[in-house]
C-alpha atoms as a PDB file:
ATOM      1  CA  MET A   1      50.178  25.307  22.694  1.00  0.00           C
ATOM      2  CA  THR A   2      47.362  27.099  20.818  1.00  0.00           C
ATOM      3  CA  GLU A   3      46.188  25.379  17.696  1.00  0.00           C
ATOM      4  CA  ALA A   4      42.893  25.442  15.809  1.00  0.00           C
ATOM      5  CA  LYS A   5      40.494  22.758  16.983  1.00  0.00           C
ATOM      6  CA  THR A   6      39.162  20.716  14.058  1.00  0.00           C
ATOM      7  CA  SER A   7      35.514  19.752  14.232  1.00  0.00           C
ATOM      8  CA  LEU A   8      34.647  16.065  14.290  1.00  0.00           C
ATOM      9  CA  LYS A   9      31.196  16.775  12.850  1.00  0.00           C
ATOM     10  CA  ARG A  10      30.515  15.862   9.223  1.00  0.00           C
ATOM     11  CA  THR A  11      29.728  18.636   6.754  1.00  0.00           C
ATOM     12  CA  LEU A  12      28.007  18.219   3.401  1.00  0.00           C
ATOM     13  CA  VAL A  13      27.183  20.603   0.554  1.00  0.00           C
ATOM     14  CA  GLY A  14      23.905  20.263  -1.352  1.00  0.00           C
ATOM     15  CA  LYS A  15      20.954  21.963  -2.981  1.00  0.00           C
ATOM     16  CA  VAL A  16      17.788  23.059  -1.153  1.00  0.00           C
ATOM     17  CA  VAL A  17      14.874  21.185  -2.758  1.00  0.00           C
ATOM     18  CA  SER A  18      12.159  22.239  -0.281  1.00  0.00           C
ATOM     19  CA  ASP A  19      11.731  25.183   2.073  1.00  0.00           C
ATOM     20  CA  LYS A  20       8.021  24.765   2.861  1.00  0.00           C
ATOM     21  CA  ARG A  21       8.377  23.609   6.473  1.00  0.00           C
ATOM     22  CA  ALA A  22       8.878  26.045   9.340  1.00  0.00           C
ATOM     23  CA  LYS A  23      12.571  26.330  10.364  1.00  0.00           C
ATOM     24  CA  THR A  24      13.473  23.360   8.148  1.00  0.00           C
ATOM     25  CA  VAL A  25      14.960  22.912   4.686  1.00  0.00           C
ATOM     26  CA  THR A  26      15.279  19.683   2.729  1.00  0.00           C
ATOM     27  CA  VAL A  27      18.730  19.351   1.171  1.00  0.00           C
ATOM     28  CA  LEU A  28      19.612  17.016  -1.712  1.00  0.00           C
ATOM     29  CA  ILE A  29      23.185  15.690  -1.575  1.00  0.00           C
ATOM     30  CA  GLU A  30      24.416  14.190  -4.843  1.00  0.00           C
ATOM     31  CA  ARG A  31      27.595  12.143  -5.133  1.00  0.00           C
ATOM     32  CA  ARG A  32      29.259  10.077  -7.823  1.00  0.00           C
ATOM     33  CA  VAL A  33      30.516   6.622  -6.886  1.00  0.00           C
ATOM     34  CA  LYS A  34      31.979   3.684  -8.753  1.00  0.00           C
ATOM     35  CA  HIS A  35      29.644   0.668  -9.034  1.00  0.00           C
ATOM     36  CA  GLU A  36      31.034  -2.208  -6.937  1.00  0.00           C
ATOM     37  CA  LEU A  37      30.685  -4.903  -9.610  1.00  0.00           C
ATOM     38  CA  TYR A  38      30.663  -3.136 -12.978  1.00  0.00           C
ATOM     39  CA  GLY A  39      33.016  -0.231 -12.289  1.00  0.00           C
ATOM     40  CA  LYS A  40      30.757   2.331 -13.963  1.00  0.00           C
ATOM     41  CA  ILE A  41      30.436   5.756 -12.309  1.00  0.00           C
ATOM     42  CA  VAL A  42      26.866   6.184 -11.070  1.00  0.00           C
ATOM     43  CA  GLY A  43      25.141   9.112  -9.377  1.00  0.00           C
ATOM     44  CA  LYS A  44      23.700   8.524  -5.923  1.00  0.00           C
ATOM     45  CA  SER A  45      21.683  11.006  -3.909  1.00  0.00           C
ATOM     46  CA  SER A  46      20.365  11.434  -0.368  1.00  0.00           C
ATOM     47  CA  LYS A  47      17.940  13.925   1.154  1.00  0.00           C
ATOM     48  CA  TYR A  48      18.497  15.408   4.596  1.00  0.00           C
ATOM     49  CA  HIS A  49      16.297  17.667   6.721  1.00  0.00           C
ATOM     50  CA  ALA A  50      18.350  20.562   8.099  1.00  0.00           C
ATOM     51  CA  HIS A  51      17.463  23.102  10.772  1.00  0.00           C
ATOM     52  CA  ASP A  52      17.184  26.657   9.413  1.00  0.00           C
ATOM     53  CA  GLU A  53      16.305  28.864  12.411  1.00  0.00           C
ATOM     54  CA  LYS A  54      15.804  32.151  10.543  1.00  0.00           C
ATOM     55  CA  GLY A  55      14.323  30.682   7.340  1.00  0.00           C
ATOM     56  CA  GLU A  56      17.019  32.374   5.259  1.00  0.00           C
ATOM     57  CA  TYR A  57      17.689  29.590   2.721  1.00  0.00           C
ATOM     58  CA  LYS A  58      15.401  29.315  -0.297  1.00  0.00           C
ATOM     59  CA  LEU A  59      14.643  26.780  -3.023  1.00  0.00           C
ATOM     60  CA  GLY A  60      17.640  26.172  -5.306  1.00  0.00           C
ATOM     61  CA  ASP A  61      20.313  27.563  -2.944  1.00  0.00           C
ATOM     62  CA  MET A  62      23.533  25.578  -2.499  1.00  0.00           C
ATOM     63  CA  ILE A  63      24.183  25.339   1.241  1.00  0.00           C
ATOM     64  CA  GLU A  64      26.511  23.614   3.668  1.00  0.00           C
ATOM     65  CA  ILE A  65      24.979  21.476   6.412  1.00  0.00           C
ATOM     66  CA  THR A  66      26.679  20.198   9.570  1.00  0.00           C
ATOM     67  CA  GLU A  67      25.809  17.189  11.693  1.00  0.00           C
ATOM     68  CA  SER A  68      24.279  18.004  15.093  1.00  0.00           C
ATOM     69  CA  ARG A  69      22.309  16.486  17.932  1.00  0.00           C
ATOM     70  CA  PRO A  70      18.797  15.236  17.041  1.00  0.00           C
ATOM     71  CA  ILE A  71      16.442  18.221  16.785  1.00  0.00           C
ATOM     72  CA  SER A  72      13.338  16.236  15.811  1.00  0.00           C
ATOM     73  CA  LYS A  73      12.434  12.740  14.590  1.00  0.00           C
ATOM     74  CA  THR A  74      13.996  13.232  11.138  1.00  0.00           C
ATOM     75  CA  LYS A  75      16.177  16.312  11.665  1.00  0.00           C
ATOM     76  CA  ASN A  76      19.771  16.048  12.913  1.00  0.00           C
ATOM     77  CA  TRP A  77      21.593  18.455  10.602  1.00  0.00           C
ATOM     78  CA  VAL A  78      21.945  22.246  10.834  1.00  0.00           C
ATOM     79  CA  ALA A  79      22.273  24.599   7.853  1.00  0.00           C
ATOM     80  CA  THR A  80      25.537  26.472   8.490  1.00  0.00           C
ATOM     81  CA  ARG A  81      26.307  28.677   5.479  1.00  0.00           C
ATOM     82  CA  LEU A  82      25.234  29.715   2.002  1.00  0.00           C
ATOM     83  CA  VAL A  83      27.624  28.447  -0.686  1.00  0.00           C
ATOM     84  CA  GLN A  84      25.791  29.770  -3.753  1.00  0.00           C
ATOM     85  CA  LYS A  85      22.550  31.700  -4.145  1.00  0.00           C
ATOM     86  CA  ALA A  86      19.871  30.240  -6.439  1.00  0.00           C
ATOM     87  CA  PRO A  87      19.924  31.724  -9.959  1.00  0.00           C
ATOM     88  CA  ILE A  88      16.968  34.025 -10.670  1.00  0.00           C
ATOM     89  CA  VAL A  89      14.821  32.631 -13.485  1.00  0.00           C
END
């Protein structure tokens, strides 16, 4: 039986908000959730440090990040693919 193995690692899509550190990008993940008490839709966001070995992702790019083993104190995500290039201003 040969079937595709599905990954158990989480993947998220977000925008690169910082690419100043060596081999690291900071990714902002925004999501919309319903408020527990009032029912209003509110925007929540989280920032993750992702490993970018080649330094190929730049400020404003939409990228996909995947959960991995801890790489440093704050970094346990890896940038896997470019979803959308940053618009040139």
